[in-house]
Structure formats: C-alpha cells, structure tokens
Amino acid sequence: MQFTVIDVPERERFEARDETGVTAGLVTYQLTGTIIVYTHTEVAPAFEGRGVGSTLARAVMDDARAKRRTVVPICPFLSDWLGKHPEYDDIVARSTRKMK
C-alpha cells in the first residue's frame, strides 16, 4: 500500500493518506522561524504495522532538510526513529546535557 504525505499547515501537522484519501497517520509540529518541533506521531489502528510511521518520519525529515530547518524531536517515536537514521543528524538539535 502506498501512502502520500502532505503538510497541512493550518492544522500544524503532516498527514499520511492512503490511495483513497483516508488519513492513516500524522505528525504534529510547532514551527518557529527555522526551528520545527515534532511533538507527536500517531498511526490509525487500522494501518498499524504497514510502515506508516516510518513513511511519515522520513517525509517530515526530508521536508525539514529541504527547507533548511533545525529539527527538535520531542515525539518519542521520532526520537527513536532518528536514533536508527544517523543520516539526519546534521539537522537535529540534541541536548548536550548529561543525565545523572
């Protein structure tokens, strides 16, 4: 199944839609200047296990890179995904503080 990811700026989110236009998942964000904070990723239960989350993650990161934005991944799913995709390290803001 193919998913198309589109930015819906009036709702501050990206949506992954299937061939029929049904929203399969989404990533919410907050944009301030060139900094984009990804706050939440959600996949509809009917679409779980079909790669929607990974499709969304790659699409939002590619969009941020194309628009020369700095990414702040607050969403746990995106943070984990980014840990497996170091090719995006150059656009991700990470804390340098060490936890005690």
PDB file of N, CA and C in Angstrom:
ATOM      1  N   MET A   1       0.837  -1.178   0.000  1.00  0.00           N
ATOM      2  CA  MET A   1       0.000   0.000   0.000  1.00  0.00           C
ATOM      3  C   MET A   1       0.884   1.245   0.000  1.00  0.00           C
ATOM      4  N   GLN A   2       0.541   2.204  -0.829  1.00  0.00           N
ATOM      5  CA  GLN A   2       1.277   3.457  -0.929  1.00  0.00           C
ATOM      6  C   GLN A   2       0.614   4.533  -0.074  1.00  0.00           C
ATOM      7  N   PHE A   3       1.429   5.373   0.532  1.00  0.00           N
ATOM      8  CA  PHE A   3       0.922   6.485   1.327  1.00  0.00           C
ATOM      9  C   PHE A   3       1.529   7.776   0.790  1.00  0.00           C
ATOM     10  N   THR A   4       0.717   8.798   0.735  1.00  0.00           N
ATOM     11  CA  THR A   4       1.162  10.117   0.341  1.00  0.00           C
ATOM     12  C   THR A   4       1.187  10.984   1.587  1.00  0.00           C
ATOM     13  N   VAL A   5       2.306  11.678   1.808  1.00  0.00           N
ATOM     14  CA  VAL A   5       2.439  12.545   2.976  1.00  0.00           C
ATOM     15  C   VAL A   5       2.316  13.991   2.520  1.00  0.00           C
ATOM     16  N   ILE A   6       1.410  14.715   3.175  1.00  0.00           N
ATOM     17  CA  ILE A   6       1.212  16.125   2.841  1.00  0.00           C
ATOM     18  C   ILE A   6       1.290  16.973   4.107  1.00  0.00           C
ATOM     19  N   ASP A   7       1.750  18.196   3.933  1.00  0.00           N
ATOM     20  CA  ASP A   7       1.780  19.163   5.024  1.00  0.00           C
ATOM     21  C   ASP A   7       0.422  19.857   5.067  1.00  0.00           C
ATOM     22  N   VAL A   8      -0.143  19.952   6.257  1.00  0.00           N
ATOM     23  CA  VAL A   8      -1.402  20.656   6.468  1.00  0.00           C
ATOM     24  C   VAL A   8      -1.102  21.766   7.482  1.00  0.00           C
ATOM     25  N   PRO A   9      -0.496  22.868   7.005  1.00  0.00           N
ATOM     26  CA  PRO A   9      -0.006  23.893   7.930  1.00  0.00           C
ATOM     27  C   PRO A   9      -1.077  24.542   8.795  1.00  0.00           C
ATOM     28  N   GLU A  10      -2.288  24.651   8.299  1.00  0.00           N
ATOM     29  CA  GLU A  10      -3.349  25.246   9.113  1.00  0.00           C
ATOM     30  C   GLU A  10      -3.712  24.389  10.326  1.00  0.00           C
ATOM     31  N   ARG A  11      -3.321  23.120  10.302  1.00  0.00           N
ATOM     32  CA  ARG A  11      -3.538  22.216  11.437  1.00  0.00           C
ATOM     33  C   ARG A  11      -2.216  21.861  12.114  1.00  0.00           C
ATOM     34  N   GLU A  12      -1.118  22.438  11.631  1.00  0.00           N
ATOM     35  CA  GLU A  12       0.229  22.181  12.144  1.00  0.00           C
ATOM     36  C   GLU A  12       0.528  20.685  12.220  1.00  0.00           C
ATOM     37  N   ARG A  13       0.344  20.041  11.082  1.00  0.00           N
ATOM     38  CA  ARG A  13       0.642  18.607  11.041  1.00  0.00           C
ATOM     39  C   ARG A  13       0.856  18.134   9.612  1.00  0.00           C
ATOM     40  N   PHE A  14       1.579  17.020   9.521  1.00  0.00           N
ATOM     41  CA  PHE A  14       1.721  16.287   8.278  1.00  0.00           C
ATOM     42  C   PHE A  14       0.776  15.098   8.380  1.00  0.00           C
ATOM     43  N   GLU A  15       0.156  14.746   7.266  1.00  0.00           N
ATOM     44  CA  GLU A  15      -0.748  13.591   7.240  1.00  0.00           C
ATOM     45  C   GLU A  15      -0.283  12.596   6.196  1.00  0.00           C
ATOM     46  N   ALA A  16      -0.352  11.313   6.546  1.00  0.00           N
ATOM     47  CA  ALA A  16      -0.116  10.233   5.591  1.00  0.00           C
ATOM     48  C   ALA A  16      -1.487   9.730   5.177  1.00  0.00           C
ATOM     49  N   ARG A  17      -1.738   9.754   3.872  1.00  0.00           N
ATOM     50  CA  ARG A  17      -3.039   9.322   3.361  1.00  0.00           C
ATOM     51  C   ARG A  17      -2.863   8.139   2.422  1.00  0.00           C
ATOM     52  N   ASP A  18      -3.833   7.225   2.465  1.00  0.00           N
ATOM     53  CA  ASP A  18      -3.782   6.085   1.551  1.00  0.00           C
ATOM     54  C   ASP A  18      -4.324   6.503   0.180  1.00  0.00           C
ATOM     55  N   GLU A  19      -4.419   5.543  -0.735  1.00  0.00           N
ATOM     56  CA  GLU A  19      -4.848   5.838  -2.107  1.00  0.00           C
ATOM     57  C   GLU A  19      -6.256   6.411  -2.189  1.00  0.00           C
ATOM     58  N   THR A  20      -7.080   6.142  -1.176  1.00  0.00           N
ATOM     59  CA  THR A  20      -8.458   6.636  -1.190  1.00  0.00           C
ATOM     60  C   THR A  20      -8.609   7.973  -0.472  1.00  0.00           C
ATOM     61  N   GLY A  21      -7.515   8.484   0.093  1.00  0.00           N
ATOM     62  CA  GLY A  21      -7.565   9.759   0.790  1.00  0.00           C
ATOM     63  C   GLY A  21      -7.792   9.657   2.283  1.00  0.00           C
ATOM     64  N   VAL A  22      -7.882   8.434   2.799  1.00  0.00           N
ATOM     65  CA  VAL A  22      -8.080   8.229   4.232  1.00  0.00           C
ATOM     66  C   VAL A  22      -6.777   8.547   4.971  1.00  0.00           C
ATOM     67  N   THR A  23      -6.876   9.308   6.058  1.00  0.00           N
ATOM     68  CA  THR A  23      -5.700   9.628   6.857  1.00  0.00           C
ATOM     69  C   THR A  23      -5.289   8.404   7.663  1.00  0.00           C
ATOM     70  N   ALA A  24      -4.088   7.904   7.367  1.00  0.00           N
ATOM     71  CA  ALA A  24      -3.567   6.706   8.024  1.00  0.00           C
ATOM     72  C   ALA A  24      -2.717   7.050   9.237  1.00  0.00           C
ATOM     73  N   GLY A  25      -2.167   8.259   9.253  1.00  0.00           N
ATOM     74  CA  GLY A  25      -1.315   8.670  10.358  1.00  0.00           C
ATOM     75  C   GLY A  25      -0.974  10.135  10.237  1.00  0.00           C
ATOM     76  N   LEU A  26      -0.341  10.654  11.297  1.00  0.00           N
ATOM     77  CA  LEU A  26       0.003  12.068  11.295  1.00  0.00           C
ATOM     78  C   LEU A  26       1.180  12.353  12.213  1.00  0.00           C
ATOM     79  N   VAL A  27       1.836  13.470  11.947  1.00  0.00           N
ATOM     80  CA  VAL A  27       2.884  14.011  12.804  1.00  0.00           C
ATOM     81  C   VAL A  27       2.519  15.465  13.057  1.00  0.00           C
ATOM     82  N   THR A  28       2.380  15.839  14.335  1.00  0.00           N
ATOM     83  CA  THR A  28       2.090  17.232  14.663  1.00  0.00           C
ATOM     84  C   THR A  28       3.397  17.976  14.891  1.00  0.00           C
ATOM     85  N   TYR A  29       3.346  19.290  14.672  1.00  0.00           N
ATOM     86  CA  TYR A  29       4.550  20.085  14.825  1.00  0.00           C
ATOM     87  C   TYR A  29       4.221  21.508  15.268  1.00  0.00           C
ATOM     88  N   GLN A  30       5.278  22.183  15.731  1.00  0.00           N
ATOM     89  CA  GLN A  30       5.238  23.619  16.018  1.00  0.00           C
ATOM     90  C   GLN A  30       6.414  24.220  15.283  1.00  0.00           C
ATOM     91  N   LEU A  31       6.150  25.283  14.533  1.00  0.00           N
ATOM     92  CA  LEU A  31       7.182  25.915  13.716  1.00  0.00           C
ATOM     93  C   LEU A  31       7.416  27.337  14.202  1.00  0.00           C
ATOM     94  N   THR A  32       8.683  27.640  14.484  1.00  0.00           N
ATOM     95  CA  THR A  32       9.092  28.984  14.868  1.00  0.00           C
ATOM     96  C   THR A  32      10.331  29.333  14.056  1.00  0.00           C
ATOM     97  N   GLY A  33      10.167  30.215  13.096  1.00  0.00           N
ATOM     98  CA  GLY A  33      11.288  30.559  12.225  1.00  0.00           C
ATOM     99  C   GLY A  33      11.772  29.344  11.474  1.00  0.00           C
ATOM    100  N   THR A  34      13.048  29.005  11.687  1.00  0.00           N
ATOM    101  CA  THR A  34      13.624  27.837  11.002  1.00  0.00           C
ATOM    102  C   THR A  34      13.704  26.615  11.916  1.00  0.00           C
ATOM    103  N   ILE A  35      13.066  26.695  13.076  1.00  0.00           N
ATOM    104  CA  ILE A  35      13.078  25.565  14.010  1.00  0.00           C
ATOM    105  C   ILE A  35      11.709  24.888  13.983  1.00  0.00           C
ATOM    106  N   ILE A  36      11.720  23.590  13.731  1.00  0.00           N
ATOM    107  CA  ILE A  36      10.483  22.812  13.737  1.00  0.00           C
ATOM    108  C   ILE A  36      10.570  21.769  14.843  1.00  0.00           C
ATOM    109  N   VAL A  37       9.568  21.768  15.691  1.00  0.00           N
ATOM    110  CA  VAL A  37       9.496  20.828  16.810  1.00  0.00           C
ATOM    111  C   VAL A  37       8.426  19.801  16.466  1.00  0.00           C
ATOM    112  N   TYR A  38       8.828  18.544  16.335  1.00  0.00           N
ATOM    113  CA  TYR A  38       7.867  17.470  16.078  1.00  0.00           C
ATOM    114  C   TYR A  38       7.391  16.951  17.430  1.00  0.00           C
ATOM    115  N   THR A  39       6.095  17.105  17.690  1.00  0.00           N
ATOM    116  CA  THR A  39       5.554  16.859  19.021  1.00  0.00           C
ATOM    117  C   THR A  39       4.863  15.515  19.199  1.00  0.00           C
ATOM    118  N   HIS A  40       4.315  14.957  18.125  1.00  0.00           N
ATOM    119  CA  HIS A  40       3.523  13.729  18.293  1.00  0.00           C
ATOM    120  C   HIS A  40       3.397  13.005  16.957  1.00  0.00           C
ATOM    121  N   THR A  41       3.488  11.686  16.997  1.00  0.00           N
ATOM    122  CA  THR A  41       3.229  10.842  15.835  1.00  0.00           C
ATOM    123  C   THR A  41       2.125   9.869  16.216  1.00  0.00           C
ATOM    124  N   GLU A  42       1.186   9.700  15.303  1.00  0.00           N
ATOM    125  CA  GLU A  42       0.056   8.811  15.566  1.00  0.00           C
ATOM    126  C   GLU A  42      -0.293   8.048  14.293  1.00  0.00           C
ATOM    127  N   VAL A  43      -0.534   6.755  14.425  1.00  0.00           N
ATOM    128  CA  VAL A  43      -0.963   5.917  13.305  1.00  0.00           C
ATOM    129  C   VAL A  43      -2.325   5.331  13.668  1.00  0.00           C
ATOM    130  N   ALA A  44      -3.265   5.437  12.739  1.00  0.00           N
ATOM    131  CA  ALA A  44      -4.606   4.879  12.960  1.00  0.00           C
ATOM    132  C   ALA A  44      -4.492   3.367  13.157  1.00  0.00           C
ATOM    133  N   PRO A  45      -5.238   2.804  14.104  1.00  0.00           N
ATOM    134  CA  PRO A  45      -5.140   1.363  14.388  1.00  0.00           C
ATOM    135  C   PRO A  45      -5.270   0.474  13.150  1.00  0.00           C
ATOM    136  N   ALA A  46      -6.116   0.831  12.212  1.00  0.00           N
ATOM    137  CA  ALA A  46      -6.314   0.011  11.010  1.00  0.00           C
ATOM    138  C   ALA A  46      -5.076  -0.028  10.126  1.00  0.00           C
ATOM    139  N   PHE A  47      -4.130   0.895  10.342  1.00  0.00           N
ATOM    140  CA  PHE A  47      -2.939   0.985   9.499  1.00  0.00           C
ATOM    141  C   PHE A  47      -1.655   0.597  10.222  1.00  0.00           C
ATOM    142  N   GLU A  48      -1.750   0.186  11.476  1.00  0.00           N
ATOM    143  CA  GLU A  48      -0.554  -0.185  12.232  1.00  0.00           C
ATOM    144  C   GLU A  48       0.156  -1.357  11.569  1.00  0.00           C
ATOM    145  N   GLY A  49       1.479  -1.333  11.628  1.00  0.00           N
ATOM    146  CA  GLY A  49       2.280  -2.420  11.069  1.00  0.00           C
ATOM    147  C   GLY A  49       2.468  -2.355   9.569  1.00  0.00           C
ATOM    148  N   ARG A  50       2.092  -1.253   8.949  1.00  0.00           N
ATOM    149  CA  ARG A  50       2.214  -1.120   7.499  1.00  0.00           C
ATOM    150  C   ARG A  50       3.256  -0.090   7.078  1.00  0.00           C
ATOM    151  N   GLY A  51       4.063   0.360   8.028  1.00  0.00           N
ATOM    152  CA  GLY A  51       5.132   1.288   7.696  1.00  0.00           C
ATOM    153  C   GLY A  51       4.724   2.749   7.628  1.00  0.00           C
ATOM    154  N   VAL A  52       3.538   3.067   8.131  1.00  0.00           N
ATOM    155  CA  VAL A  52       3.062   4.451   8.079  1.00  0.00           C
ATOM    156  C   VAL A  52       3.954   5.362   8.911  1.00  0.00           C
ATOM    157  N   GLY A  53       4.312   4.934  10.108  1.00  0.00           N
ATOM    158  CA  GLY A  53       5.155   5.756  10.976  1.00  0.00           C
ATOM    159  C   GLY A  53       6.493   6.059  10.344  1.00  0.00           C
ATOM    160  N   SER A  54       7.126   5.058   9.772  1.00  0.00           N
ATOM    161  CA  SER A  54       8.426   5.262   9.113  1.00  0.00           C
ATOM    162  C   SER A  54       8.291   6.131   7.874  1.00  0.00           C
ATOM    163  N   THR A  55       7.209   5.962   7.130  1.00  0.00           N
ATOM    164  CA  THR A  55       6.961   6.800   5.954  1.00  0.00           C
ATOM    165  C   THR A  55       6.823   8.257   6.370  1.00  0.00           C
ATOM    166  N   LEU A  56       6.062   8.493   7.432  1.00  0.00           N
ATOM    167  CA  LEU A  56       5.901   9.846   7.953  1.00  0.00           C
ATOM    168  C   LEU A  56       7.234  10.421   8.429  1.00  0.00           C
ATOM    169  N   ALA A  57       7.974   9.630   9.188  1.00  0.00           N
ATOM    170  CA  ALA A  57       9.245  10.101   9.736  1.00  0.00           C
ATOM    171  C   ALA A  57      10.188  10.540   8.628  1.00  0.00           C
ATOM    172  N   ARG A  58      10.358   9.713   7.626  1.00  0.00           N
ATOM    173  CA  ARG A  58      11.262  10.054   6.531  1.00  0.00           C
ATOM    174  C   ARG A  58      10.755  11.298   5.786  1.00  0.00           C
ATOM    175  N   ALA A  59       9.467  11.383   5.559  1.00  0.00           N
ATOM    176  CA  ALA A  59       8.911  12.518   4.820  1.00  0.00           C
ATOM    177  C   ALA A  59       9.092  13.831   5.578  1.00  0.00           C
ATOM    178  N   VAL A  60       8.834  13.830   6.888  1.00  0.00           N
ATOM    179  CA  VAL A  60       8.960  15.083   7.641  1.00  0.00           C
ATOM    180  C   VAL A  60      10.424  15.494   7.775  1.00  0.00           C
ATOM    181  N   MET A  61      11.309  14.531   7.884  1.00  0.00           N
ATOM    182  CA  MET A  61      12.731  14.858   7.969  1.00  0.00           C
ATOM    183  C   MET A  61      13.256  15.367   6.624  1.00  0.00           C
ATOM    184  N   ASP A  62      12.825  14.754   5.528  1.00  0.00           N
ATOM    185  CA  ASP A  62      13.236  15.227   4.212  1.00  0.00           C
ATOM    186  C   ASP A  62      12.693  16.635   3.948  1.00  0.00           C
ATOM    187  N   ASP A  63      11.480  16.895   4.400  1.00  0.00           N
ATOM    188  CA  ASP A  63      10.887  18.223   4.247  1.00  0.00           C
ATOM    189  C   ASP A  63      11.697  19.258   5.036  1.00  0.00           C
ATOM    190  N   ALA A  64      12.038  18.916   6.275  1.00  0.00           N
ATOM    191  CA  ALA A  64      12.828  19.832   7.104  1.00  0.00           C
ATOM    192  C   ALA A  64      14.180  20.121   6.452  1.00  0.00           C
ATOM    193  N   ARG A  65      14.815  19.099   5.932  1.00  0.00           N
ATOM    194  CA  ARG A  65      16.114  19.295   5.274  1.00  0.00           C
ATOM    195  C   ARG A  65      15.962  20.194   4.041  1.00  0.00           C
ATOM    196  N   ALA A  66      14.957  19.941   3.238  1.00  0.00           N
ATOM    197  CA  ALA A  66      14.751  20.736   2.024  1.00  0.00           C
ATOM    198  C   ALA A  66      14.497  22.205   2.350  1.00  0.00           C
ATOM    199  N   LYS A  67      13.873  22.459   3.493  1.00  0.00           N
ATOM    200  CA  LYS A  67      13.546  23.834   3.890  1.00  0.00           C
ATOM    201  C   LYS A  67      14.584  24.424   4.844  1.00  0.00           C
ATOM    202  N   ARG A  68      15.702  23.693   5.018  1.00  0.00           N
ATOM    203  CA  ARG A  68      16.814  24.140   5.862  1.00  0.00           C
ATOM    204  C   ARG A  68      16.380  24.464   7.291  1.00  0.00           C
ATOM    205  N   ARG A  69      15.582  23.570   7.846  1.00  0.00           N
ATOM    206  CA  ARG A  69      15.103  23.743   9.214  1.00  0.00           C
ATOM    207  C   ARG A  69      15.916  22.900  10.182  1.00  0.00           C
ATOM    208  N   THR A  70      15.930  23.345  11.437  1.00  0.00           N
ATOM    209  CA  THR A  70      16.522  22.569  12.522  1.00  0.00           C
ATOM    210  C   THR A  70      15.386  21.828  13.200  1.00  0.00           C
ATOM    211  N   VAL A  71      15.576  20.541  13.403  1.00  0.00           N
ATOM    212  CA  VAL A  71      14.540  19.677  13.969  1.00  0.00           C
ATOM    213  C   VAL A  71      14.779  19.455  15.460  1.00  0.00           C
ATOM    214  N   VAL A  72      13.704  19.609  16.236  1.00  0.00           N
ATOM    215  CA  VAL A  72      13.711  19.269  17.653  1.00  0.00           C
ATOM    216  C   VAL A  72      12.681  18.143  17.816  1.00  0.00           C
ATOM    217  N   PRO A  73      13.140  16.906  17.998  1.00  0.00           N
ATOM    218  CA  PRO A  73      12.226  15.766  18.073  1.00  0.00           C
ATOM    219  C   PRO A  73      11.758  15.482  19.504  1.00  0.00           C
ATOM    220  N   ILE A  74      10.638  16.050  19.880  1.00  0.00           N
ATOM    221  CA  ILE A  74      10.076  15.782  21.207  1.00  0.00           C
ATOM    222  C   ILE A  74       9.312  14.455  21.208  1.00  0.00           C
ATOM    223  N   CYS A  75       8.733  14.112  20.095  1.00  0.00           N
ATOM    224  CA  CYS A  75       7.960  12.877  19.958  1.00  0.00           C
ATOM    225  C   CYS A  75       8.857  11.655  20.191  1.00  0.00           C
ATOM    226  N   PRO A  76       8.489  10.772  21.113  1.00  0.00           N
ATOM    227  CA  PRO A  76       9.316   9.584  21.378  1.00  0.00           C
ATOM    228  C   PRO A  76       9.520   8.692  20.154  1.00  0.00           C
ATOM    229  N   PHE A  77       8.486   8.518  19.336  1.00  0.00           N
ATOM    230  CA  PHE A  77       8.630   7.683  18.144  1.00  0.00           C
ATOM    231  C   PHE A  77       9.689   8.260  17.213  1.00  0.00           C
ATOM    232  N   LEU A  78       9.589   9.560  16.933  1.00  0.00           N
ATOM    233  CA  LEU A  78      10.571  10.182  16.037  1.00  0.00           C
ATOM    234  C   LEU A  78      11.974  10.164  16.635  1.00  0.00           C
ATOM    235  N   SER A  79      12.083  10.386  17.927  1.00  0.00           N
ATOM    236  CA  SER A  79      13.399  10.325  18.577  1.00  0.00           C
ATOM    237  C   SER A  79      14.024   8.947  18.397  1.00  0.00           C
ATOM    238  N   ASP A  80      13.234   7.893  18.618  1.00  0.00           N
ATOM    239  CA  ASP A  80      13.732   6.526  18.433  1.00  0.00           C
ATOM    240  C   ASP A  80      14.100   6.271  16.969  1.00  0.00           C
ATOM    241  N   TRP A  81      13.246   6.705  16.061  1.00  0.00           N
ATOM    242  CA  TRP A  81      13.485   6.507  14.634  1.00  0.00           C
ATOM    243  C   TRP A  81      14.779   7.199  14.219  1.00  0.00           C
ATOM    244  N   LEU A  82      14.970   8.415  14.698  1.00  0.00           N
ATOM    245  CA  LEU A  82      16.188   9.153  14.367  1.00  0.00           C
ATOM    246  C   LEU A  82      17.445   8.468  14.911  1.00  0.00           C
ATOM    247  N   GLY A  83      17.311   7.759  16.030  1.00  0.00           N
ATOM    248  CA  GLY A  83      18.443   7.017  16.567  1.00  0.00           C
ATOM    249  C   GLY A  83      18.925   5.928  15.624  1.00  0.00           C
ATOM    250  N   LYS A  84      18.043   5.478  14.723  1.00  0.00           N
ATOM    251  CA  LYS A  84      18.383   4.446  13.746  1.00  0.00           C
ATOM    252  C   LYS A  84      18.722   5.039  12.378  1.00  0.00           C
ATOM    253  N   HIS A  85      18.632   6.366  12.265  1.00  0.00           N
ATOM    254  CA  HIS A  85      18.851   7.026  10.977  1.00  0.00           C
ATOM    255  C   HIS A  85      19.800   8.214  11.138  1.00  0.00           C
ATOM    256  N   PRO A  86      21.080   7.915  11.334  1.00  0.00           N
ATOM    257  CA  PRO A  86      22.063   8.983  11.568  1.00  0.00           C
ATOM    258  C   PRO A  86      22.247   9.916  10.366  1.00  0.00           C
ATOM    259  N   GLU A  87      21.688   9.565   9.219  1.00  0.00           N
ATOM    260  CA  GLU A  87      21.809  10.442   8.048  1.00  0.00           C
ATOM    261  C   GLU A  87      21.104  11.789   8.245  1.00  0.00           C
ATOM    262  N   TYR A  88      20.312  11.892   9.321  1.00  0.00           N
ATOM    263  CA  TYR A  88      19.632  13.157   9.616  1.00  0.00           C
ATOM    264  C   TYR A  88      20.274  13.915  10.786  1.00  0.00           C
ATOM    265  N   ASP A  89      21.356  13.398  11.334  1.00  0.00           N
ATOM    266  CA  ASP A  89      21.995  14.037  12.495  1.00  0.00           C
ATOM    267  C   ASP A  89      22.350  15.502  12.254  1.00  0.00           C
ATOM    268  N   ASP A  90      22.668  15.841  11.025  1.00  0.00           N
ATOM    269  CA  ASP A  90      23.100  17.212  10.729  1.00  0.00           C
ATOM    270  C   ASP A  90      21.995  18.255  10.867  1.00  0.00           C
ATOM    271  N   ILE A  91      20.728  17.847  10.919  1.00  0.00           N
ATOM    272  CA  ILE A  91      19.637  18.819  11.054  1.00  0.00           C
ATOM    273  C   ILE A  91      18.887  18.687  12.374  1.00  0.00           C
ATOM    274  N   VAL A  92      19.340  17.776  13.243  1.00  0.00           N
ATOM    275  CA  VAL A  92      18.644  17.523  14.505  1.00  0.00           C
ATOM    276  C   VAL A  92      19.367  18.196  15.657  1.00  0.00           C
ATOM    277  N   ALA A  93      18.603  18.951  16.448  1.00  0.00           N
ATOM    278  CA  ALA A  93      19.148  19.565  17.667  1.00  0.00           C
ATOM    279  C   ALA A  93      19.052  18.533  18.778  1.00  0.00           C
ATOM    280  N   ARG A  94      20.158  18.284  19.430  1.00  0.00           N
ATOM    281  CA  ARG A  94      20.201  17.312  20.528  1.00  0.00           C
ATOM    282  C   ARG A  94      20.738  17.994  21.765  1.00  0.00           C
ATOM    283  N   SER A  95      20.267  17.584  22.902  1.00  0.00           N
ATOM    284  CA  SER A  95      20.757  18.114  24.158  1.00  0.00           C
ATOM    285  C   SER A  95      22.179  17.613  24.397  1.00  0.00           C
ATOM    286  N   THR A  96      23.009  18.480  24.945  1.00  0.00           N
ATOM    287  CA  THR A  96      24.367  18.063  25.280  1.00  0.00           C
ATOM    288  C   THR A  96      24.502  17.819  26.771  1.00  0.00           C
ATOM    289  N   ARG A  97      23.410  17.998  27.505  1.00  0.00           N
ATOM    290  CA  ARG A  97      23.428  17.757  28.958  1.00  0.00           C
ATOM    291  C   ARG A  97      23.467  16.266  29.229  1.00  0.00           C
ATOM    292  N   LYS A  98      24.191  15.907  30.255  1.00  0.00           N
ATOM    293  CA  LYS A  98      24.234  14.505  30.677  1.00  0.00           C
ATOM    294  C   LYS A  98      23.274  14.327  31.847  1.00  0.00           C
ATOM    295  N   MET A  99      22.496  13.270  31.780  1.00  0.00           N
ATOM    296  CA  MET A  99      21.542  12.959  32.851  1.00  0.00           C
ATOM    297  C   MET A  99      22.277  12.287  33.986  1.00  0.00           C
ATOM    298  N   LYS A 100      21.896  12.604  35.212  1.00  0.00           N
ATOM    299  CA  LYS A 100      22.522  11.988  36.390  1.00  0.00           C
ATOM    300  C   LYS A 100      21.684  10.868  36.899  1.00  0.00           C
TER     301      LYS A 100
END
